Amino acid sequence: MTVLARKTEWNEVRLPPEIAGQFSDVDYFEVVVTRKGRLLLSPVNPQEKEERVKEEIQELGVAEDDLRAAAAALLGRRG
């Protein structure tokens, strides 16, 4: 199925009802821009995404205290 989506003046892309209806239980989509300039939307569960990020951080060997210290440094505070 091919349909047109419109970008609003607020830079929002509105999904046509016939497409949006297929994803009524989804609030977030991951957006990827391909090398050919195409946009790919994938439904995302934010909790699953958060878990993936946490796993990747653990695999890198970064401790939670390291993240807190980095955040404090970025915010101009010492932890």
PDB file of N, CA and C in Angstrom:
ATOM      1  N   MET A   1       0.841  -1.167   0.000  1.00  0.00           N
ATOM      2  CA  MET A   1       0.000   0.000   0.000  1.00  0.00           C
ATOM      3  C   MET A   1       0.898   1.247   0.000  1.00  0.00           C
ATOM      4  N   THR A   2       0.626   2.161  -0.859  1.00  0.00           N
ATOM      5  CA  THR A   2       1.353   3.424  -0.922  1.00  0.00           C
ATOM      6  C   THR A   2       0.366   4.567  -0.740  1.00  0.00           C
ATOM      7  N   VAL A   3       0.627   5.411   0.250  1.00  0.00           N
ATOM      8  CA  VAL A   3      -0.202   6.584   0.510  1.00  0.00           C
ATOM      9  C   VAL A   3       0.722   7.761   0.804  1.00  0.00           C
ATOM     10  N   LEU A   4       0.190   8.958   0.737  1.00  0.00           N
ATOM     11  CA  LEU A   4       0.978  10.146   1.031  1.00  0.00           C
ATOM     12  C   LEU A   4       0.806  10.560   2.487  1.00  0.00           C
ATOM     13  N   ALA A   5       1.898  11.010   3.088  1.00  0.00           N
ATOM     14  CA  ALA A   5       1.857  11.597   4.424  1.00  0.00           C
ATOM     15  C   ALA A   5       2.286  13.049   4.264  1.00  0.00           C
ATOM     16  N   ARG A   6       1.714  13.906   5.074  1.00  0.00           N
ATOM     17  CA  ARG A   6       1.984  15.331   4.951  1.00  0.00           C
ATOM     18  C   ARG A   6       2.793  15.822   6.147  1.00  0.00           C
ATOM     19  N   LYS A   7       3.802  16.682   5.888  1.00  0.00           N
ATOM     20  CA  LYS A   7       4.557  17.327   6.956  1.00  0.00           C
ATOM     21  C   LYS A   7       3.859  18.644   7.274  1.00  0.00           C
ATOM     22  N   THR A   8       3.535  18.859   8.543  1.00  0.00           N
ATOM     23  CA  THR A   8       2.823  20.075   8.943  1.00  0.00           C
ATOM     24  C   THR A   8       3.810  21.232   9.089  1.00  0.00           C
ATOM     25  N   GLU A   9       3.277  22.412   9.333  1.00  0.00           N
ATOM     26  CA  GLU A   9       4.134  23.587   9.521  1.00  0.00           C
ATOM     27  C   GLU A   9       4.951  23.476  10.800  1.00  0.00           C
ATOM     28  N   TRP A  10       4.597  22.556  11.698  1.00  0.00           N
ATOM     29  CA  TRP A  10       5.349  22.325  12.931  1.00  0.00           C
ATOM     30  C   TRP A  10       6.315  21.153  12.784  1.00  0.00           C
ATOM     31  N   ASN A  11       6.623  20.755  11.541  1.00  0.00           N
ATOM     32  CA  ASN A  11       7.533  19.645  11.230  1.00  0.00           C
ATOM     33  C   ASN A  11       7.070  18.305  11.795  1.00  0.00           C
ATOM     34  N   GLU A  12       5.767  18.114  11.859  1.00  0.00           N
ATOM     35  CA  GLU A  12       5.211  16.836  12.257  1.00  0.00           C
ATOM     36  C   GLU A  12       4.732  16.111  11.006  1.00  0.00           C
ATOM     37  N   VAL A  13       5.007  14.833  10.946  1.00  0.00           N
ATOM     38  CA  VAL A  13       4.516  14.026   9.830  1.00  0.00           C
ATOM     39  C   VAL A  13       3.251  13.334  10.304  1.00  0.00           C
ATOM     40  N   ARG A  14       2.171  13.553   9.598  1.00  0.00           N
ATOM     41  CA  ARG A  14       0.893  12.965   9.970  1.00  0.00           C
ATOM     42  C   ARG A  14       0.665  11.692   9.181  1.00  0.00           C
ATOM     43  N   LEU A  15       0.459  10.614   9.905  1.00  0.00           N
ATOM     44  CA  LEU A  15       0.183   9.347   9.241  1.00  0.00           C
ATOM     45  C   LEU A  15      -1.267   9.329   8.772  1.00  0.00           C
ATOM     46  N   PRO A  16      -1.501   8.877   7.561  1.00  0.00           N
ATOM     47  CA  PRO A  16      -2.878   8.759   7.081  1.00  0.00           C
ATOM     48  C   PRO A  16      -3.655   7.779   7.973  1.00  0.00           C
ATOM     49  N   PRO A  17      -4.955   8.011   8.154  1.00  0.00           N
ATOM     50  CA  PRO A  17      -5.762   7.165   9.042  1.00  0.00           C
ATOM     51  C   PRO A  17      -5.674   5.671   8.720  1.00  0.00           C
ATOM     52  N   GLU A  18      -5.609   5.329   7.439  1.00  0.00           N
ATOM     53  CA  GLU A  18      -5.555   3.900   7.088  1.00  0.00           C
ATOM     54  C   GLU A  18      -4.243   3.238   7.525  1.00  0.00           C
ATOM     55  N   ILE A  19      -3.189   4.034   7.690  1.00  0.00           N
ATOM     56  CA  ILE A  19      -1.918   3.506   8.191  1.00  0.00           C
ATOM     57  C   ILE A  19      -1.906   3.567   9.714  1.00  0.00           C
ATOM     58  N   ALA A  20      -2.248   4.725  10.274  1.00  0.00           N
ATOM     59  CA  ALA A  20      -2.243   4.909  11.726  1.00  0.00           C
ATOM     60  C   ALA A  20      -3.135   3.887  12.419  1.00  0.00           C
ATOM     61  N   GLY A  21      -4.237   3.524  11.798  1.00  0.00           N
ATOM     62  CA  GLY A  21      -5.150   2.551  12.380  1.00  0.00           C
ATOM     63  C   GLY A  21      -4.520   1.185  12.591  1.00  0.00           C
ATOM     64  N   GLN A  22      -3.503   0.873  11.811  1.00  0.00           N
ATOM     65  CA  GLN A  22      -2.814  -0.410  11.961  1.00  0.00           C
ATOM     66  C   GLN A  22      -1.861  -0.406  13.160  1.00  0.00           C
ATOM     67  N   PHE A  23      -1.603   0.791  13.716  1.00  0.00           N
ATOM     68  CA  PHE A  23      -0.675   0.926  14.835  1.00  0.00           C
ATOM     69  C   PHE A  23      -1.334   1.675  15.992  1.00  0.00           C
ATOM     70  N   SER A  24      -2.600   1.391  16.245  1.00  0.00           N
ATOM     71  CA  SER A  24      -3.354   2.136  17.248  1.00  0.00           C
ATOM     72  C   SER A  24      -2.796   1.981  18.661  1.00  0.00           C
ATOM     73  N   ASP A  25      -2.064   0.898  18.926  1.00  0.00           N
ATOM     74  CA  ASP A  25      -1.508   0.685  20.262  1.00  0.00           C
ATOM     75  C   ASP A  25      -0.055   1.167  20.379  1.00  0.00           C
ATOM     76  N   VAL A  26       0.456   1.865  19.360  1.00  0.00           N
ATOM     77  CA  VAL A  26       1.846   2.325  19.344  1.00  0.00           C
ATOM     78  C   VAL A  26       1.887   3.841  19.476  1.00  0.00           C
ATOM     79  N   ASP A  27       2.735   4.331  20.401  1.00  0.00           N
ATOM     80  CA  ASP A  27       2.893   5.772  20.591  1.00  0.00           C
ATOM     81  C   ASP A  27       4.210   6.295  20.022  1.00  0.00           C
ATOM     82  N   TYR A  28       5.216   5.425  19.913  1.00  0.00           N
ATOM     83  CA  TYR A  28       6.538   5.861  19.474  1.00  0.00           C
ATOM     84  C   TYR A  28       7.020   5.041  18.286  1.00  0.00           C
ATOM     85  N   PHE A  29       7.728   5.722  17.395  1.00  0.00           N
ATOM     86  CA  PHE A  29       8.349   5.075  16.245  1.00  0.00           C
ATOM     87  C   PHE A  29       9.812   5.492  16.182  1.00  0.00           C
ATOM     88  N   GLU A  30      10.679   4.529  15.924  1.00  0.00           N
ATOM     89  CA  GLU A  30      12.082   4.840  15.672  1.00  0.00           C
ATOM     90  C   GLU A  30      12.178   5.262  14.207  1.00  0.00           C
ATOM     91  N   VAL A  31      12.908   6.324  13.945  1.00  0.00           N
ATOM     92  CA  VAL A  31      13.027   6.849  12.582  1.00  0.00           C
ATOM     93  C   VAL A  31      14.466   6.681  12.121  1.00  0.00           C
ATOM     94  N   VAL A  32      14.643   6.071  10.963  1.00  0.00           N
ATOM     95  CA  VAL A  32      15.963   5.879  10.369  1.00  0.00           C
ATOM     96  C   VAL A  32      15.940   6.511   8.986  1.00  0.00           C
ATOM     97  N   VAL A  33      16.979   7.276   8.680  1.00  0.00           N
ATOM     98  CA  VAL A  33      17.130   7.834   7.339  1.00  0.00           C
ATOM     99  C   VAL A  33      18.154   6.966   6.616  1.00  0.00           C
ATOM    100  N   THR A  34      17.748   6.371   5.502  1.00  0.00           N
ATOM    101  CA  THR A  34      18.645   5.491   4.760  1.00  0.00           C
ATOM    102  C   THR A  34      19.628   6.308   3.927  1.00  0.00           C
ATOM    103  N   ARG A  35      20.612   5.640   3.393  1.00  0.00           N
ATOM    104  CA  ARG A  35      21.599   6.314   2.534  1.00  0.00           C
ATOM    105  C   ARG A  35      20.949   6.928   1.302  1.00  0.00           C
ATOM    106  N   LYS A  36      19.835   6.362   0.889  1.00  0.00           N
ATOM    107  CA  LYS A  36      19.126   6.882  -0.277  1.00  0.00           C
ATOM    108  C   LYS A  36      18.117   7.958   0.096  1.00  0.00           C
ATOM    109  N   GLY A  37      18.116   8.381   1.375  1.00  0.00           N
ATOM    110  CA  GLY A  37      17.239   9.452   1.807  1.00  0.00           C
ATOM    111  C   GLY A  37      15.814   9.039   2.125  1.00  0.00           C
ATOM    112  N   ARG A  38      15.576   7.758   2.312  1.00  0.00           N
ATOM    113  CA  ARG A  38      14.239   7.287   2.676  1.00  0.00           C
ATOM    114  C   ARG A  38      14.100   7.258   4.187  1.00  0.00           C
ATOM    115  N   LEU A  39      12.895   7.480   4.658  1.00  0.00           N
ATOM    116  CA  LEU A  39      12.600   7.385   6.083  1.00  0.00           C
ATOM    117  C   LEU A  39      11.977   6.025   6.366  1.00  0.00           C
ATOM    118  N   LEU A  40      12.507   5.350   7.362  1.00  0.00           N
ATOM    119  CA  LEU A  40      11.938   4.079   7.795  1.00  0.00           C
ATOM    120  C   LEU A  40      11.414   4.259   9.203  1.00  0.00           C
ATOM    121  N   LEU A  41      10.151   3.936   9.416  1.00  0.00           N
ATOM    122  CA  LEU A  41       9.540   4.022  10.735  1.00  0.00           C
ATOM    123  C   LEU A  41       9.353   2.614  11.278  1.00  0.00           C
ATOM    124  N   SER A  42       9.776   2.409  12.524  1.00  0.00           N
ATOM    125  CA  SER A  42       9.580   1.121  13.186  1.00  0.00           C
ATOM    126  C   SER A  42       8.909   1.360  14.526  1.00  0.00           C
ATOM    127  N   PRO A  43       7.834   0.639  14.821  1.00  0.00           N
ATOM    128  CA  PRO A  43       7.192   0.799  16.120  1.00  0.00           C
ATOM    129  C   PRO A  43       8.163   0.453  17.243  1.00  0.00           C
ATOM    130  N   VAL A  44       8.125   1.242  18.316  1.00  0.00           N
ATOM    131  CA  VAL A  44       9.050   1.027  19.430  1.00  0.00           C
ATOM    132  C   VAL A  44       8.287   1.093  20.748  1.00  0.00           C
ATOM    133  N   ASN A  45       8.615   0.174  21.625  1.00  0.00           N
ATOM    134  CA  ASN A  45       8.141   0.219  23.000  1.00  0.00           C
ATOM    135  C   ASN A  45       9.257   0.902  23.791  1.00  0.00           C
ATOM    136  N   PRO A  46       9.010   2.086  24.389  1.00  0.00           N
ATOM    137  CA  PRO A  46      10.081   2.813  25.084  1.00  0.00           C
ATOM    138  C   PRO A  46      10.780   1.993  26.164  1.00  0.00           C
ATOM    139  N   GLN A  47      10.047   1.129  26.871  1.00  0.00           N
ATOM    140  CA  GLN A  47      10.673   0.319  27.910  1.00  0.00           C
ATOM    141  C   GLN A  47      11.675  -0.660  27.306  1.00  0.00           C
ATOM    142  N   GLU A  48      11.337  -1.258  26.165  1.00  0.00           N
ATOM    143  CA  GLU A  48      12.250  -2.182  25.505  1.00  0.00           C
ATOM    144  C   GLU A  48      13.497  -1.446  25.037  1.00  0.00           C
ATOM    145  N   LYS A  49      13.315  -0.243  24.508  1.00  0.00           N
ATOM    146  CA  LYS A  49      14.445   0.562  24.046  1.00  0.00           C
ATOM    147  C   LYS A  49      15.357   0.894  25.228  1.00  0.00           C
ATOM    148  N   GLU A  50      14.759   1.261  26.357  1.00  0.00           N
ATOM    149  CA  GLU A  50      15.537   1.583  27.554  1.00  0.00           C
ATOM    150  C   GLU A  50      16.348   0.374  28.002  1.00  0.00           C
ATOM    151  N   GLU A  51      15.742  -0.801  27.990  1.00  0.00           N
ATOM    152  CA  GLU A  51      16.444  -2.017  28.387  1.00  0.00           C
ATOM    153  C   GLU A  51      17.618  -2.314  27.450  1.00  0.00           C
ATOM    154  N   ARG A  52      17.407  -2.109  26.135  1.00  0.00           N
ATOM    155  CA  ARG A  52      18.495  -2.334  25.169  1.00  0.00           C
ATOM    156  C   ARG A  52      19.665  -1.408  25.451  1.00  0.00           C
ATOM    157  N   VAL A  53      19.370  -0.140  25.746  1.00  0.00           N
ATOM    158  CA  VAL A  53      20.423   0.834  26.024  1.00  0.00           C
ATOM    159  C   VAL A  53      21.182   0.434  27.288  1.00  0.00           C
ATOM    160  N   LYS A  54      20.451   0.025  28.326  1.00  0.00           N
ATOM    161  CA  LYS A  54      21.088  -0.402  29.578  1.00  0.00           C
ATOM    162  C   LYS A  54      22.010  -1.594  29.334  1.00  0.00           C
ATOM    163  N   GLU A  55      21.546  -2.553  28.522  1.00  0.00           N
ATOM    164  CA  GLU A  55      22.368  -3.729  28.217  1.00  0.00           C
ATOM    165  C   GLU A  55      23.638  -3.332  27.476  1.00  0.00           C
ATOM    166  N   GLU A  56      23.508  -2.413  26.522  1.00  0.00           N
ATOM    167  CA  GLU A  56      24.682  -1.968  25.768  1.00  0.00           C
ATOM    168  C   GLU A  56      25.682  -1.252  26.676  1.00  0.00           C
ATOM    169  N   ILE A  57      25.176  -0.456  27.617  1.00  0.00           N
ATOM    170  CA  ILE A  57      26.051   0.243  28.555  1.00  0.00           C
ATOM    171  C   ILE A  57      26.790  -0.763  29.428  1.00  0.00           C
ATOM    172  N   GLN A  58      26.083  -1.790  29.900  1.00  0.00           N
ATOM    173  CA  GLN A  58      26.718  -2.826  30.711  1.00  0.00           C
ATOM    174  C   GLN A  58      27.790  -3.564  29.921  1.00  0.00           C
ATOM    175  N   GLU A  59      27.502  -3.870  28.655  1.00  0.00           N
ATOM    176  CA  GLU A  59      28.470  -4.570  27.814  1.00  0.00           C
ATOM    177  C   GLU A  59      29.738  -3.744  27.623  1.00  0.00           C
ATOM    178  N   LEU A  60      29.596  -2.422  27.631  1.00  0.00           N
ATOM    179  CA  LEU A  60      30.759  -1.536  27.496  1.00  0.00           C
ATOM    180  C   LEU A  60      31.539  -1.414  28.800  1.00  0.00           C
ATOM    181  N   GLY A  61      30.974  -1.923  29.883  1.00  0.00           N
ATOM    182  CA  GLY A  61      31.656  -1.871  31.170  1.00  0.00           C
ATOM    183  C   GLY A  61      31.532  -0.526  31.876  1.00  0.00           C
ATOM    184  N   VAL A  62      30.540   0.244  31.532  1.00  0.00           N
ATOM    185  CA  VAL A  62      30.332   1.545  32.158  1.00  0.00           C
ATOM    186  C   VAL A  62      29.442   1.340  33.386  1.00  0.00           C
ATOM    187  N   ALA A  63      29.916   1.826  34.543  1.00  0.00           N
ATOM    188  CA  ALA A  63      29.166   1.681  35.786  1.00  0.00           C
ATOM    189  C   ALA A  63      28.156   2.814  35.946  1.00  0.00           C
ATOM    190  N   GLU A  64      27.120   2.553  36.750  1.00  0.00           N
ATOM    191  CA  GLU A  64      26.091   3.559  36.981  1.00  0.00           C
ATOM    192  C   GLU A  64      26.676   4.826  37.601  1.00  0.00           C
ATOM    193  N   ASP A  65      27.666   4.657  38.505  1.00  0.00           N
ATOM    194  CA  ASP A  65      28.317   5.822  39.119  1.00  0.00           C
ATOM    195  C   ASP A  65      29.050   6.657  38.072  1.00  0.00           C
ATOM    196  N   ASP A  66      29.610   6.001  37.060  1.00  0.00           N
ATOM    197  CA  ASP A  66      30.289   6.723  35.976  1.00  0.00           C
ATOM    198  C   ASP A  66      29.289   7.597  35.224  1.00  0.00           C
ATOM    199  N   LEU A  67      28.094   7.065  34.985  1.00  0.00           N
ATOM    200  CA  LEU A  67      27.063   7.825  34.285  1.00  0.00           C
ATOM    201  C   LEU A  67      26.607   9.022  35.111  1.00  0.00           C
ATOM    202  N   ARG A  68      26.447   8.803  36.424  1.00  0.00           N
ATOM    203  CA  ARG A  68      26.047   9.918  37.297  1.00  0.00           C
ATOM    204  C   ARG A  68      27.112  11.009  37.305  1.00  0.00           C
ATOM    205  N   ALA A  69      28.384  10.612  37.385  1.00  0.00           N
ATOM    206  CA  ALA A  69      29.476  11.587  37.399  1.00  0.00           C
ATOM    207  C   ALA A  69      29.533  12.356  36.079  1.00  0.00           C
ATOM    208  N   ALA A  70      29.319  11.652  34.978  1.00  0.00           N
ATOM    209  CA  ALA A  70      29.333  12.315  33.669  1.00  0.00           C
ATOM    210  C   ALA A  70      28.177  13.293  33.550  1.00  0.00           C
ATOM    211  N   ALA A  71      27.000  12.890  34.012  1.00  0.00           N
ATOM    212  CA  ALA A  71      25.837  13.777  33.963  1.00  0.00           C
ATOM    213  C   ALA A  71      26.066  15.008  34.831  1.00  0.00           C
ATOM    214  N   ALA A  72      26.617  14.808  36.023  1.00  0.00           N
ATOM    215  CA  ALA A  72      26.891  15.936  36.911  1.00  0.00           C
ATOM    216  C   ALA A  72      27.902  16.890  36.282  1.00  0.00           C
ATOM    217  N   ALA A  73      28.931  16.333  35.634  1.00  0.00           N
ATOM    218  CA  ALA A  73      29.934  17.174  34.984  1.00  0.00           C
ATOM    219  C   ALA A  73      29.322  17.973  33.844  1.00  0.00           C
ATOM    220  N   LEU A  74      28.446  17.332  33.095  1.00  0.00           N
ATOM    221  CA  LEU A  74      27.789  18.040  31.985  1.00  0.00           C
ATOM    222  C   LEU A  74      26.876  19.149  32.484  1.00  0.00           C
ATOM    223  N   LEU A  75      26.301  18.933  33.657  1.00  0.00           N
ATOM    224  CA  LEU A  75      25.402  19.937  34.236  1.00  0.00           C
ATOM    225  C   LEU A  75      26.143  20.976  35.070  1.00  0.00           C
ATOM    226  N   GLY A  76      27.484  20.839  35.143  1.00  0.00           N
ATOM    227  CA  GLY A  76      28.287  21.823  35.862  1.00  0.00           C
ATOM    228  C   GLY A  76      28.341  21.603  37.356  1.00  0.00           C
ATOM    229  N   ARG A  77      28.038  20.391  37.805  1.00  0.00           N
ATOM    230  CA  ARG A  77      28.106  20.072  39.230  1.00  0.00           C
ATOM    231  C   ARG A  77      29.119  18.975  39.450  1.00  0.00           C
ATOM    232  N   ARG A  78      29.582  18.874  40.650  1.00  0.00           N
ATOM    233  CA  ARG A  78      30.487  17.760  41.009  1.00  0.00           C
ATOM    234  C   ARG A  78      29.725  16.760  41.839  1.00  0.00           C
ATOM    235  N   GLY A  79      29.920  15.443  41.516  1.00  0.00           N
ATOM    236  CA  GLY A  79      29.164  14.406  42.209  1.00  0.00           C
ATOM    237  C   GLY A  79      29.908  13.670  43.211  1.00  0.00           C
TER     238      GLY A  79
END
